[in-house]
Amino acid sequence: MYVLNQSDTLLLMAAALFFFGMCALAMGLFVLVTRTHSKDVKKLSANAAQLVQKGIAEDVAQLVSGATALLDGVQQLVKTATGVGIFLTSLGLALMAGGFWVVLQVNWA
């Protein structure tokens, strides 16, 4: 049976931190790339803008207010997705830095 000493435990912890950091970084970048620049969000924004233009031209107040609320919702959705992506990316970088720091604390002698 293999016994783990302090150096082995620290290296195992560092590897786990670095691995989880890489996973969080990848997920954050994936969210930033896919969720904030989605075709559906762009299409929805364009259609809502056309609704606002049509509502203003025909003087339909409820249509304009509904389309404005829709545009605000889409904008909030993009902000939320961007925030989640930035948080995951930052968390991943911090975990990777923590794993590197733990490796530096190991006594190799």
Protein backbone atom coordinates (compact mmCIF):
# COMPACT_ATOMS: atom_id res chain seq x y z
CA MET A 1 0.00 0.00 0.00
CA TYR A 2 1.28 3.44 -0.93
CA VAL A 3 1.40 6.01 1.86
CA LEU A 4 0.91 9.67 0.98
CA ASN A 5 3.31 12.06 2.63
CA GLN A 6 2.89 15.81 2.88
CA SER A 7 4.53 16.59 -0.48
CA ASP A 8 2.35 14.06 -2.30
CA THR A 9 -0.78 15.46 -0.68
CA LEU A 10 0.15 19.01 -1.66
CA LEU A 11 0.86 17.95 -5.25
CA LEU A 12 -2.47 16.13 -5.41
CA MET A 13 -4.26 19.22 -4.10
CA ALA A 14 -2.41 21.44 -6.59
CA ALA A 15 -3.30 19.15 -9.49
CA ALA A 16 -6.96 19.13 -8.45
CA LEU A 17 -7.03 22.93 -8.11
CA PHE A 18 -5.37 23.39 -11.47
CA PHE A 19 -7.74 20.90 -13.15
CA PHE A 20 -10.86 22.54 -11.68
CA GLY A 21 -9.46 25.92 -12.67
CA MET A 22 -9.02 24.78 -16.25
CA CYS A 23 -12.60 23.46 -16.28
CA ALA A 24 -14.01 26.72 -14.90
CA LEU A 25 -11.94 28.75 -17.37
CA ALA A 26 -13.19 26.65 -20.28
CA MET A 27 -16.81 26.95 -19.15
CA GLY A 28 -16.47 30.71 -18.70
CA LEU A 29 -15.00 31.20 -22.14
CA PHE A 30 -17.70 28.93 -23.61
CA VAL A 31 -20.43 31.01 -21.98
CA LEU A 32 -18.85 34.25 -23.17
CA VAL A 33 -18.52 33.04 -26.75
CA THR A 34 -21.84 31.24 -27.19
CA ARG A 35 -24.34 32.99 -24.95
CA THR A 36 -23.55 36.65 -25.51
CA HIS A 37 -23.32 36.49 -29.31
CA SER A 38 -26.21 34.14 -29.99
CA LYS A 39 -28.09 34.31 -33.30
CA ASP A 40 -31.40 34.07 -31.46
CA VAL A 41 -30.65 37.08 -29.26
CA LYS A 42 -29.65 39.16 -32.29
CA LYS A 43 -32.75 38.07 -34.22
CA LEU A 44 -35.01 38.83 -31.24
CA SER A 45 -33.47 42.27 -30.83
CA ALA A 46 -33.92 43.06 -34.51
CA ASN A 47 -37.57 41.96 -34.48
CA ALA A 48 -38.28 43.95 -31.33
CA ALA A 49 -36.70 47.04 -32.91
CA GLN A 50 -38.94 46.59 -35.95
CA LEU A 51 -41.96 46.32 -33.64
CA VAL A 52 -41.01 49.58 -31.98
CA GLN A 53 -40.65 51.29 -35.36
CA LYS A 54 -44.05 49.96 -36.48
CA GLY A 55 -45.66 50.96 -33.20
CA ILE A 56 -44.30 54.49 -33.42
CA ALA A 57 -45.45 54.82 -37.04
CA GLU A 58 -48.94 53.58 -36.25
CA ASP A 59 -49.09 55.29 -32.84
CA VAL A 60 -49.80 52.15 -30.86
CA ALA A 61 -48.65 52.81 -27.31
CA GLN A 62 -49.08 49.30 -25.94
CA LEU A 63 -47.10 47.75 -28.78
CA VAL A 64 -44.26 50.18 -28.22
CA SER A 65 -44.21 49.61 -24.46
CA GLY A 66 -44.28 45.82 -24.93
CA ALA A 67 -41.47 45.89 -27.46
CA THR A 68 -39.44 48.20 -25.21
CA ALA A 69 -39.89 45.78 -22.32
CA LEU A 70 -38.79 42.95 -24.62
CA LEU A 71 -35.64 44.84 -25.62
CA ASP A 72 -34.86 45.56 -21.98
CA GLY A 73 -35.29 41.86 -21.18
CA VAL A 74 -32.94 40.83 -23.97
CA GLN A 75 -30.37 43.38 -22.82
CA GLN A 76 -30.59 42.07 -19.24
CA LEU A 77 -30.21 38.51 -20.54
CA VAL A 78 -27.00 39.41 -22.38
CA LYS A 79 -25.65 41.24 -19.31
CA THR A 80 -26.39 38.23 -17.10
CA ALA A 81 -24.71 35.79 -19.49
CA THR A 82 -21.69 38.07 -19.74
CA GLY A 83 -21.48 38.35 -15.95
CA VAL A 84 -21.62 34.59 -15.50
CA GLY A 85 -18.94 34.11 -18.16
CA ILE A 86 -16.63 36.69 -16.60
CA PHE A 87 -17.15 35.21 -13.13
CA LEU A 88 -16.35 31.66 -14.31
CA THR A 89 -13.30 32.86 -16.22
CA SER A 90 -12.01 34.78 -13.19
CA LEU A 91 -12.69 31.83 -10.89
CA GLY A 92 -10.81 29.52 -13.25
CA LEU A 93 -7.79 31.81 -13.38
CA ALA A 94 -7.80 32.16 -9.57
CA LEU A 95 -7.99 28.38 -9.06
CA MET A 96 -5.14 27.82 -11.51
CA ALA A 97 -3.05 30.46 -9.72
CA GLY A 98 -3.89 28.79 -6.39
CA GLY A 99 -2.74 25.42 -7.72
CA PHE A 100 0.51 26.98 -8.93
CA TRP A 101 1.02 28.62 -5.53
CA VAL A 102 0.51 25.28 -3.76
CA VAL A 103 3.16 23.70 -6.01
CA LEU A 104 5.55 26.47 -5.00
CA GLN A 105 5.00 25.60 -1.31
CA VAL A 106 6.14 21.99 -1.70
CA ASN A 107 9.53 21.17 -0.15
CA TRP A 108 11.27 19.12 -2.83
CA ALA A 109 14.21 18.13 -0.64
